[in-house]
Amino acid sequence: MDFYKELENTDFDDLFDRLVAYASAKLKSVDIRTMDGKEPCDLVADLFEKVLTNVRKAENASCTLKEFLFGCLRSDIDAFFHRKKPLLVTANEGEVITNPVTEAPKQSAATKEHYINQLKGVGADEEEISVFNIWAEGITKPCDVGTELDLSSSTIYKIQRRLLKHQEDIRKKSKAVV
């Protein structure tokens, strides 16, 4: 595909608006407005920059310009969600806490107890609490957590999935409070 020739034959404003609407809808579907501080229009502008600087190679594409751009945008957004886990939102005045799976800050004892109480409130068991405590200490790799708790990595992955479900329950409860 000749990117520049196809771009000349396309209503750029309409295409840009449709890409922004698509990005907004994808972000809104998971209840966020920005990705790493970038608004949907910034994401689309970044996409065009990638295409113009050949980071995304349009000339190798066997599809139309619109299909190519929407596919690249979807790929960028999906990669973000695979790279970043959701935030842990608490019912405590809408306070937002980073997810210990991806960013494990050291927690104060009172803060850690608060989160443990929230986890217990949504039905977390002792294994899940133990994994959370290890995360709060800054150990996040499943193999390392498994070593600390004398459990296999696959068991830690299963516990992690359960914790992420509890995180969604906590988020729903916090929305109900607000």
N, C-alpha and C. Protein backbone atom coordinates (compact mmCIF):
# COMPACT_ATOMS: atom_id res chain seq x y z
N MET A 1 0.85 -1.17 0.00
CA MET A 1 0.00 0.00 0.00
C MET A 1 0.90 1.23 0.00
N ASP A 2 0.52 2.21 -0.79
CA ASP A 2 1.23 3.48 -0.81
C ASP A 2 0.52 4.41 0.16
N PHE A 3 1.09 4.57 1.35
CA PHE A 3 0.46 5.33 2.44
C PHE A 3 0.09 6.74 2.00
N TYR A 4 1.01 7.45 1.37
CA TYR A 4 0.77 8.84 1.01
C TYR A 4 -0.32 8.98 -0.05
N LYS A 5 -0.34 8.08 -1.03
CA LYS A 5 -1.35 8.12 -2.08
C LYS A 5 -2.74 7.84 -1.49
N GLU A 6 -2.82 6.82 -0.61
CA GLU A 6 -4.11 6.50 0.02
C GLU A 6 -4.55 7.63 0.94
N LEU A 7 -3.62 8.27 1.61
CA LEU A 7 -3.97 9.38 2.51
C LEU A 7 -4.52 10.56 1.73
N GLU A 8 -3.99 10.81 0.53
CA GLU A 8 -4.50 11.89 -0.32
C GLU A 8 -5.94 11.64 -0.73
N ASN A 9 -6.31 10.39 -0.92
CA ASN A 9 -7.66 10.04 -1.37
C ASN A 9 -8.63 9.82 -0.21
N THR A 10 -8.22 10.15 0.99
CA THR A 10 -9.03 9.93 2.18
C THR A 10 -9.35 11.26 2.84
N ASP A 11 -10.56 11.35 3.40
CA ASP A 11 -10.94 12.52 4.18
C ASP A 11 -10.22 12.41 5.52
N PHE A 12 -9.11 13.13 5.66
CA PHE A 12 -8.24 13.00 6.83
C PHE A 12 -8.97 13.34 8.12
N ASP A 13 -9.74 14.44 8.12
CA ASP A 13 -10.44 14.85 9.35
C ASP A 13 -11.41 13.78 9.82
N ASP A 14 -12.15 13.19 8.87
CA ASP A 14 -13.09 12.14 9.22
C ASP A 14 -12.36 10.91 9.75
N LEU A 15 -11.29 10.52 9.09
CA LEU A 15 -10.50 9.37 9.53
C LEU A 15 -9.93 9.60 10.92
N PHE A 16 -9.37 10.78 11.15
CA PHE A 16 -8.79 11.10 12.45
C PHE A 16 -9.87 11.05 13.54
N ASP A 17 -11.04 11.64 13.25
CA ASP A 17 -12.14 11.64 14.23
C ASP A 17 -12.62 10.22 14.53
N ARG A 18 -12.68 9.38 13.50
CA ARG A 18 -13.12 7.99 13.71
C ARG A 18 -12.09 7.21 14.54
N LEU A 19 -10.81 7.45 14.29
CA LEU A 19 -9.77 6.80 15.08
C LEU A 19 -9.82 7.26 16.54
N VAL A 20 -10.04 8.55 16.77
CA VAL A 20 -10.16 9.07 18.14
C VAL A 20 -11.38 8.47 18.82
N ALA A 21 -12.51 8.39 18.10
CA ALA A 21 -13.72 7.80 18.68
C ALA A 21 -13.48 6.33 19.04
N TYR A 22 -12.78 5.63 18.17
CA TYR A 22 -12.47 4.22 18.44
C TYR A 22 -11.60 4.08 19.69
N ALA A 23 -10.55 4.90 19.77
CA ALA A 23 -9.66 4.85 20.94
C ALA A 23 -10.43 5.21 22.21
N SER A 24 -11.28 6.21 22.13
CA SER A 24 -12.08 6.61 23.30
C SER A 24 -12.98 5.48 23.76
N ALA A 25 -13.62 4.82 22.81
CA ALA A 25 -14.51 3.71 23.15
C ALA A 25 -13.75 2.55 23.78
N LYS A 26 -12.57 2.23 23.23
CA LYS A 26 -11.77 1.14 23.79
C LYS A 26 -11.34 1.45 25.23
N LEU A 27 -10.92 2.69 25.47
CA LEU A 27 -10.50 3.08 26.82
C LEU A 27 -11.70 3.13 27.76
N LYS A 28 -12.80 3.66 27.27
CA LYS A 28 -14.00 3.78 28.10
C LYS A 28 -14.54 2.40 28.49
N SER A 29 -14.32 1.40 27.63
CA SER A 29 -14.82 0.05 27.92
C SER A 29 -14.17 -0.55 29.16
N VAL A 30 -13.01 -0.05 29.54
CA VAL A 30 -12.35 -0.53 30.76
C VAL A 30 -12.30 0.58 31.81
N ASP A 31 -13.12 1.59 31.60
CA ASP A 31 -13.32 2.64 32.61
C ASP A 31 -12.09 3.50 32.84
N ILE A 32 -11.34 3.80 31.78
CA ILE A 32 -10.24 4.74 31.90
C ILE A 32 -10.36 5.79 30.79
N ARG A 33 -9.74 6.93 30.98
CA ARG A 33 -9.82 8.00 29.99
C ARG A 33 -8.51 8.24 29.28
N THR A 34 -7.41 7.86 29.91
CA THR A 34 -6.11 8.10 29.30
C THR A 34 -5.24 6.85 29.42
N MET A 35 -4.24 6.78 28.55
CA MET A 35 -3.24 5.71 28.60
C MET A 35 -1.90 6.37 28.86
N ASP A 36 -1.32 6.11 29.98
CA ASP A 36 -0.04 6.73 30.36
C ASP A 36 -0.12 8.24 30.23
N GLY A 37 -1.26 8.82 30.59
CA GLY A 37 -1.44 10.26 30.54
C GLY A 37 -1.77 10.83 29.17
N LYS A 38 -1.97 9.98 28.19
CA LYS A 38 -2.28 10.43 26.83
C LYS A 38 -3.77 10.27 26.54
N GLU A 39 -4.36 11.35 26.05
CA GLU A 39 -5.76 11.33 25.62
C GLU A 39 -5.87 10.54 24.32
N PRO A 40 -7.09 10.10 23.95
CA PRO A 40 -7.25 9.37 22.69
C PRO A 40 -6.70 10.10 21.46
N CYS A 41 -6.88 11.44 21.40
CA CYS A 41 -6.35 12.16 20.23
C CYS A 41 -4.82 12.11 20.20
N ASP A 42 -4.18 12.07 21.37
CA ASP A 42 -2.73 11.94 21.43
C ASP A 42 -2.29 10.56 20.94
N LEU A 43 -3.08 9.54 21.27
CA LEU A 43 -2.76 8.18 20.82
C LEU A 43 -2.80 8.10 19.30
N VAL A 44 -3.81 8.74 18.71
CA VAL A 44 -3.94 8.73 17.25
C VAL A 44 -2.80 9.52 16.61
N ALA A 45 -2.46 10.66 17.19
CA ALA A 45 -1.33 11.45 16.68
C ALA A 45 -0.04 10.64 16.76
N ASP A 46 0.15 9.92 17.87
CA ASP A 46 1.34 9.06 18.00
C ASP A 46 1.35 7.96 16.93
N LEU A 47 0.16 7.44 16.63
CA LEU A 47 0.05 6.40 15.61
C LEU A 47 0.50 6.95 14.25
N PHE A 48 0.03 8.14 13.89
CA PHE A 48 0.45 8.73 12.63
C PHE A 48 1.95 9.00 12.63
N GLU A 49 2.48 9.42 13.76
CA GLU A 49 3.93 9.64 13.84
C GLU A 49 4.69 8.34 13.61
N LYS A 50 4.19 7.24 14.18
CA LYS A 50 4.85 5.95 13.98
C LYS A 50 4.82 5.53 12.52
N VAL A 51 3.69 5.80 11.86
CA VAL A 51 3.59 5.43 10.44
C VAL A 51 4.52 6.31 9.61
N LEU A 52 4.55 7.61 9.90
CA LEU A 52 5.38 8.52 9.11
C LEU A 52 6.88 8.30 9.33
N THR A 53 7.25 7.79 10.49
CA THR A 53 8.67 7.54 10.78
C THR A 53 9.05 6.08 10.54
N ASN A 54 8.14 5.33 9.93
CA ASN A 54 8.35 3.92 9.58
C ASN A 54 8.53 2.99 10.77
N VAL A 55 8.08 3.39 11.95
CA VAL A 55 8.04 2.45 13.06
C VAL A 55 6.95 1.41 12.74
N ARG A 56 5.83 1.91 12.23
CA ARG A 56 4.78 1.05 11.68
C ARG A 56 4.89 1.14 10.16
N LYS A 57 5.20 0.04 9.52
CA LYS A 57 5.50 0.05 8.09
C LYS A 57 4.23 -0.19 7.26
N ALA A 58 3.66 0.91 6.76
CA ALA A 58 2.43 0.84 5.98
C ALA A 58 2.66 0.22 4.61
N GLU A 59 3.85 0.39 4.04
CA GLU A 59 4.08 -0.12 2.68
C GLU A 59 4.04 -1.64 2.63
N ASN A 60 4.23 -2.31 3.75
CA ASN A 60 4.19 -3.77 3.78
C ASN A 60 2.77 -4.30 3.96
N ALA A 61 1.82 -3.42 4.26
CA ALA A 61 0.45 -3.85 4.55
C ALA A 61 -0.28 -4.25 3.27
N SER A 62 -1.08 -5.29 3.37
CA SER A 62 -1.85 -5.75 2.20
C SER A 62 -3.33 -5.37 2.36
N CYS A 63 -3.63 -4.45 3.25
CA CYS A 63 -5.01 -4.03 3.49
C CYS A 63 -5.14 -2.54 3.16
N THR A 64 -6.35 -2.02 3.35
CA THR A 64 -6.57 -0.60 3.08
C THR A 64 -5.94 0.24 4.19
N LEU A 65 -5.82 1.54 3.91
CA LEU A 65 -5.25 2.46 4.89
C LEU A 65 -6.06 2.45 6.19
N LYS A 66 -7.38 2.50 6.06
CA LYS A 66 -8.24 2.53 7.25
C LYS A 66 -8.06 1.26 8.08
N GLU A 67 -8.07 0.11 7.42
CA GLU A 67 -7.89 -1.16 8.13
C GLU A 67 -6.53 -1.19 8.83
N PHE A 68 -5.52 -0.70 8.14
CA PHE A 68 -4.17 -0.69 8.69
C PHE A 68 -4.11 0.19 9.94
N LEU A 69 -4.65 1.41 9.84
CA LEU A 69 -4.57 2.33 10.98
C LEU A 69 -5.39 1.84 12.17
N PHE A 70 -6.60 1.35 11.92
CA PHE A 70 -7.42 0.83 13.01
C PHE A 70 -6.75 -0.39 13.65
N GLY A 71 -6.15 -1.24 12.83
CA GLY A 71 -5.45 -2.40 13.36
C GLY A 71 -4.26 -2.01 14.22
N CYS A 72 -3.50 -1.02 13.77
CA CYS A 72 -2.35 -0.55 14.54
C CYS A 72 -2.79 0.07 15.86
N LEU A 73 -3.86 0.87 15.81
CA LEU A 73 -4.37 1.50 17.03
C LEU A 73 -4.85 0.45 18.01
N ARG A 74 -5.59 -0.54 17.51
CA ARG A 74 -6.06 -1.62 18.38
C ARG A 74 -4.87 -2.35 19.00
N SER A 75 -3.85 -2.60 18.20
CA SER A 75 -2.65 -3.28 18.68
C SER A 75 -1.95 -2.47 19.78
N ASP A 76 -1.83 -1.16 19.58
CA ASP A 76 -1.18 -0.31 20.58
C ASP A 76 -1.96 -0.32 21.90
N ILE A 77 -3.28 -0.24 21.80
CA ILE A 77 -4.11 -0.22 23.01
C ILE A 77 -4.05 -1.57 23.71
N ASP A 78 -4.16 -2.66 22.94
CA ASP A 78 -4.08 -4.00 23.53
C ASP A 78 -2.73 -4.23 24.20
N ALA A 79 -1.66 -3.76 23.57
CA ALA A 79 -0.33 -3.92 24.15
C ALA A 79 -0.23 -3.18 25.48
N PHE A 80 -0.86 -2.02 25.56
CA PHE A 80 -0.88 -1.26 26.81
C PHE A 80 -1.56 -2.07 27.91
N PHE A 81 -2.71 -2.69 27.60
CA PHE A 81 -3.44 -3.44 28.61
C PHE A 81 -2.70 -4.71 29.02
N HIS A 82 -1.92 -5.27 28.13
CA HIS A 82 -1.13 -6.45 28.51
C HIS A 82 0.08 -6.04 29.33
N ARG A 83 0.56 -4.84 29.09
CA ARG A 83 1.73 -4.34 29.80
C ARG A 83 1.35 -3.82 31.18
N LYS A 84 0.21 -3.19 31.29
CA LYS A 84 -0.22 -2.58 32.55
C LYS A 84 -1.43 -3.33 33.07
N LYS A 85 -1.43 -3.57 34.34
CA LYS A 85 -2.59 -4.15 34.99
C LYS A 85 -3.44 -3.01 35.53
N PRO A 86 -4.72 -3.26 35.78
CA PRO A 86 -5.58 -2.20 36.30
C PRO A 86 -5.14 -1.70 37.67
N LEU A 87 -5.63 -0.55 38.03
CA LEU A 87 -5.33 0.01 39.35
C LEU A 87 -6.26 -0.59 40.39
N LEU A 88 -5.80 -0.65 41.61
CA LEU A 88 -6.62 -1.10 42.71
C LEU A 88 -7.25 0.14 43.32
N VAL A 89 -8.57 0.23 43.26
CA VAL A 89 -9.28 1.38 43.78
C VAL A 89 -9.93 0.97 45.09
N THR A 90 -9.78 1.80 46.09
CA THR A 90 -10.34 1.47 47.38
C THR A 90 -11.59 2.29 47.65
N ALA A 91 -12.37 1.84 48.60
CA ALA A 91 -13.58 2.56 48.98
C ALA A 91 -13.26 3.72 49.90
N ASN A 92 -12.00 3.90 50.25
CA ASN A 92 -11.58 4.95 51.16
C ASN A 92 -11.45 6.27 50.42
N GLU A 93 -12.54 6.98 50.27
CA GLU A 93 -12.57 8.30 49.63
C GLU A 93 -12.02 8.28 48.22
N GLY A 94 -12.27 7.19 47.47
CA GLY A 94 -11.83 7.13 46.09
C GLY A 94 -10.32 7.06 45.91
N GLU A 95 -9.59 6.71 46.95
CA GLU A 95 -8.13 6.63 46.90
C GLU A 95 -7.71 5.57 45.88
N VAL A 96 -6.78 5.89 45.02
CA VAL A 96 -6.31 4.96 44.00
C VAL A 96 -4.94 4.43 44.41
N ILE A 97 -4.79 3.13 44.39
CA ILE A 97 -3.56 2.47 44.79
C ILE A 97 -3.04 1.70 43.58
N THR A 98 -1.76 1.77 43.30
CA THR A 98 -1.23 1.02 42.18
C THR A 98 -1.34 -0.47 42.46
N ASN A 99 -1.52 -1.22 41.40
CA ASN A 99 -1.66 -2.66 41.51
C ASN A 99 -0.31 -3.26 41.88
N PRO A 100 -0.23 -4.01 42.96
CA PRO A 100 1.05 -4.56 43.37
C PRO A 100 1.62 -5.59 42.39
N VAL A 101 0.80 -6.07 41.46
CA VAL A 101 1.32 -7.01 40.47
C VAL A 101 2.34 -6.33 39.57
N THR A 102 2.07 -5.06 39.21
CA THR A 102 2.94 -4.38 38.26
C THR A 102 3.88 -3.37 38.91
N GLU A 103 3.44 -2.72 39.95
CA GLU A 103 4.25 -1.71 40.61
C GLU A 103 4.17 -1.96 42.10
N ALA A 104 5.11 -2.64 42.64
CA ALA A 104 5.02 -3.07 44.02
C ALA A 104 5.69 -2.08 44.97
N PRO A 105 4.99 -1.02 45.35
CA PRO A 105 5.58 -0.12 46.32
C PRO A 105 5.56 -0.76 47.70
N LYS A 106 6.52 -0.42 48.52
CA LYS A 106 6.52 -0.91 49.89
C LYS A 106 5.36 -0.25 50.63
N GLN A 107 4.59 -1.04 51.35
CA GLN A 107 3.40 -0.54 52.02
C GLN A 107 3.68 -0.33 53.50
N SER A 108 3.08 0.73 54.07
CA SER A 108 3.15 0.89 55.52
C SER A 108 2.26 -0.18 56.14
N ALA A 109 2.48 -0.47 57.39
CA ALA A 109 1.71 -1.52 58.06
C ALA A 109 0.22 -1.18 58.08
N ALA A 110 -0.13 0.07 58.34
CA ALA A 110 -1.55 0.47 58.41
C ALA A 110 -2.19 0.37 57.02
N THR A 111 -1.48 0.81 56.01
CA THR A 111 -2.01 0.76 54.65
C THR A 111 -2.20 -0.69 54.22
N LYS A 112 -1.21 -1.51 54.53
CA LYS A 112 -1.29 -2.92 54.17
C LYS A 112 -2.48 -3.59 54.86
N GLU A 113 -2.68 -3.29 56.13
CA GLU A 113 -3.83 -3.85 56.87
C GLU A 113 -5.15 -3.41 56.24
N HIS A 114 -5.20 -2.15 55.82
CA HIS A 114 -6.41 -1.63 55.18
C HIS A 114 -6.74 -2.46 53.93
N TYR A 115 -5.73 -2.72 53.09
CA TYR A 115 -5.95 -3.49 51.87
C TYR A 115 -6.31 -4.94 52.18
N ILE A 116 -5.68 -5.48 53.18
CA ILE A 116 -5.99 -6.86 53.56
C ILE A 116 -7.44 -6.96 54.03
N ASN A 117 -7.89 -5.97 54.81
CA ASN A 117 -9.29 -5.96 55.25
C ASN A 117 -10.24 -5.86 54.06
N GLN A 118 -9.86 -5.06 53.07
CA GLN A 118 -10.70 -4.96 51.87
C GLN A 118 -10.74 -6.30 51.13
N LEU A 119 -9.59 -6.95 51.03
CA LEU A 119 -9.55 -8.25 50.37
C LEU A 119 -10.40 -9.28 51.12
N LYS A 120 -10.28 -9.28 52.44
CA LYS A 120 -11.09 -10.20 53.24
C LYS A 120 -12.57 -9.89 53.07
N GLY A 121 -12.88 -8.61 52.92
CA GLY A 121 -14.28 -8.19 52.74
C GLY A 121 -14.91 -8.71 51.46
N VAL A 122 -14.09 -9.01 50.46
CA VAL A 122 -14.62 -9.55 49.21
C VAL A 122 -14.36 -11.05 49.08
N GLY A 123 -13.93 -11.68 50.19
CA GLY A 123 -13.82 -13.14 50.22
C GLY A 123 -12.46 -13.72 49.92
N ALA A 124 -11.39 -12.97 50.05
CA ALA A 124 -10.05 -13.50 49.79
C ALA A 124 -9.69 -14.53 50.86
N ASP A 125 -9.05 -15.63 50.43
CA ASP A 125 -8.63 -16.65 51.39
C ASP A 125 -7.20 -16.38 51.87
N GLU A 126 -6.70 -17.25 52.73
CA GLU A 126 -5.38 -17.06 53.33
C GLU A 126 -4.25 -17.10 52.31
N GLU A 127 -4.36 -17.98 51.30
CA GLU A 127 -3.33 -18.03 50.26
C GLU A 127 -3.25 -16.69 49.53
N GLU A 128 -4.40 -16.13 49.20
CA GLU A 128 -4.44 -14.85 48.49
C GLU A 128 -3.85 -13.73 49.35
N ILE A 129 -4.18 -13.75 50.63
CA ILE A 129 -3.63 -12.74 51.55
C ILE A 129 -2.10 -12.89 51.64
N SER A 130 -1.63 -14.13 51.67
CA SER A 130 -0.18 -14.37 51.74
C SER A 130 0.52 -13.84 50.49
N VAL A 131 -0.06 -14.09 49.32
CA VAL A 131 0.52 -13.59 48.08
C VAL A 131 0.52 -12.07 48.09
N PHE A 132 -0.58 -11.46 48.54
CA PHE A 132 -0.64 -10.01 48.61
C PHE A 132 0.46 -9.46 49.53
N ASN A 133 0.68 -10.11 50.67
CA ASN A 133 1.74 -9.67 51.59
C ASN A 133 3.11 -9.73 50.94
N ILE A 134 3.36 -10.77 50.15
CA ILE A 134 4.64 -10.90 49.45
C ILE A 134 4.76 -9.78 48.42
N TRP A 135 3.68 -9.51 47.68
CA TRP A 135 3.69 -8.41 46.71
C TRP A 135 4.01 -7.09 47.40
N ALA A 136 3.40 -6.87 48.55
CA ALA A 136 3.60 -5.61 49.28
C ALA A 136 5.05 -5.44 49.72
N GLU A 137 5.77 -6.54 49.84
CA GLU A 137 7.19 -6.47 50.18
C GLU A 137 8.06 -6.19 48.96
N GLY A 138 7.44 -6.16 47.78
CA GLY A 138 8.17 -5.85 46.57
C GLY A 138 8.54 -7.06 45.73
N ILE A 139 8.12 -8.23 46.12
CA ILE A 139 8.41 -9.45 45.35
C ILE A 139 7.19 -9.74 44.50
N THR A 140 7.33 -9.63 43.17
CA THR A 140 6.16 -9.77 42.30
C THR A 140 6.24 -10.91 41.29
N LYS A 141 7.42 -11.42 41.00
CA LYS A 141 7.53 -12.50 40.03
C LYS A 141 6.94 -13.78 40.62
N PRO A 142 6.04 -14.44 39.87
CA PRO A 142 5.40 -15.64 40.41
C PRO A 142 6.38 -16.70 40.89
N CYS A 143 7.51 -16.89 40.20
CA CYS A 143 8.45 -17.91 40.66
C CYS A 143 9.07 -17.51 42.00
N ASP A 144 9.34 -16.21 42.19
CA ASP A 144 9.90 -15.75 43.46
C ASP A 144 8.87 -15.82 44.59
N VAL A 145 7.62 -15.44 44.25
CA VAL A 145 6.55 -15.53 45.25
C VAL A 145 6.34 -16.99 45.64
N GLY A 146 6.37 -17.88 44.64
CA GLY A 146 6.21 -19.31 44.91
C GLY A 146 7.32 -19.85 45.80
N THR A 147 8.53 -19.38 45.58
CA THR A 147 9.66 -19.80 46.41
C THR A 147 9.44 -19.36 47.86
N GLU A 148 9.00 -18.12 48.03
CA GLU A 148 8.75 -17.60 49.37
C GLU A 148 7.67 -18.39 50.11
N LEU A 149 6.63 -18.82 49.37
CA LEU A 149 5.50 -19.50 50.00
C LEU A 149 5.55 -21.01 49.83
N ASP A 150 6.61 -21.51 49.20
CA ASP A 150 6.76 -22.94 48.93
C ASP A 150 5.57 -23.47 48.12
N LEU A 151 5.23 -22.71 47.05
CA LEU A 151 4.17 -23.11 46.13
C LEU A 151 4.72 -23.04 44.71
N SER A 152 4.08 -23.76 43.80
CA SER A 152 4.54 -23.73 42.40
C SER A 152 4.12 -22.42 41.73
N SER A 153 4.81 -22.10 40.65
CA SER A 153 4.49 -20.89 39.89
C SER A 153 3.07 -20.95 39.35
N SER A 154 2.64 -22.12 38.89
CA SER A 154 1.29 -22.23 38.34
C SER A 154 0.24 -21.97 39.42
N THR A 155 0.51 -22.39 40.64
CA THR A 155 -0.41 -22.10 41.74
C THR A 155 -0.45 -20.59 42.01
N ILE A 156 0.69 -19.94 41.94
CA ILE A 156 0.75 -18.50 42.16
C ILE A 156 -0.03 -17.78 41.07
N TYR A 157 0.09 -18.22 39.80
CA TYR A 157 -0.68 -17.61 38.72
C TYR A 157 -2.19 -17.73 38.99
N LYS A 158 -2.61 -18.88 39.47
CA LYS A 158 -4.04 -19.07 39.77
C LYS A 158 -4.48 -18.14 40.90
N ILE A 159 -3.65 -18.02 41.92
CA ILE A 159 -3.97 -17.12 43.03
C ILE A 159 -4.00 -15.68 42.52
N GLN A 160 -3.07 -15.33 41.65
CA GLN A 160 -3.02 -13.98 41.09
C GLN A 160 -4.31 -13.66 40.34
N ARG A 161 -4.80 -14.62 39.54
CA ARG A 161 -6.06 -14.40 38.82
C ARG A 161 -7.22 -14.18 39.80
N ARG A 162 -7.22 -14.96 40.87
CA ARG A 162 -8.29 -14.78 41.87
C ARG A 162 -8.19 -13.40 42.52
N LEU A 163 -6.96 -12.97 42.81
CA LEU A 163 -6.78 -11.65 43.40
C LEU A 163 -7.25 -10.54 42.46
N LEU A 164 -7.00 -10.69 41.18
CA LEU A 164 -7.45 -9.69 40.22
C LEU A 164 -8.97 -9.64 40.15
N LYS A 165 -9.62 -10.80 40.32
CA LYS A 165 -11.09 -10.81 40.39
C LYS A 165 -11.57 -10.09 41.65
N HIS A 166 -10.87 -10.33 42.76
CA HIS A 166 -11.23 -9.61 44.00
C HIS A 166 -11.04 -8.11 43.82
N GLN A 167 -10.01 -7.75 43.07
CA GLN A 167 -9.75 -6.34 42.81
C GLN A 167 -10.94 -5.71 42.09
N GLU A 168 -11.51 -6.44 41.13
CA GLU A 168 -12.70 -5.94 40.42
C GLU A 168 -13.87 -5.78 41.40
N ASP A 169 -14.02 -6.74 42.32
CA ASP A 169 -15.09 -6.64 43.32
C ASP A 169 -14.90 -5.41 44.20
N ILE A 170 -13.66 -5.14 44.58
CA ILE A 170 -13.37 -3.96 45.39
C ILE A 170 -13.70 -2.70 44.61
N ARG A 171 -13.34 -2.69 43.35
CA ARG A 171 -13.62 -1.53 42.48
C ARG A 171 -15.13 -1.30 42.39
N LYS A 172 -15.90 -2.39 42.22
CA LYS A 172 -17.35 -2.24 42.13
C LYS A 172 -17.93 -1.71 43.42
N LYS A 173 -17.42 -2.21 44.55
CA LYS A 173 -17.89 -1.72 45.85
C LYS A 173 -17.58 -0.25 46.02
N SER A 174 -16.40 0.17 45.59
CA SER A 174 -16.03 1.57 45.75
C SER A 174 -16.90 2.47 44.88
N LYS A 175 -17.29 1.99 43.70
CA LYS A 175 -18.18 2.77 42.84
C LYS A 175 -19.57 2.88 43.46
N ALA A 176 -19.99 1.80 44.11
CA ALA A 176 -21.30 1.82 44.77
C ALA A 176 -21.33 2.81 45.92
N VAL A 177 -20.20 2.97 46.60
CA VAL A 177 -20.11 3.90 47.73
C VAL A 177 -20.15 5.33 47.23
N VAL A 178 -19.45 5.58 46.11
CA VAL A 178 -19.38 6.93 45.55
C VAL A 178 -20.66 7.22 44.87
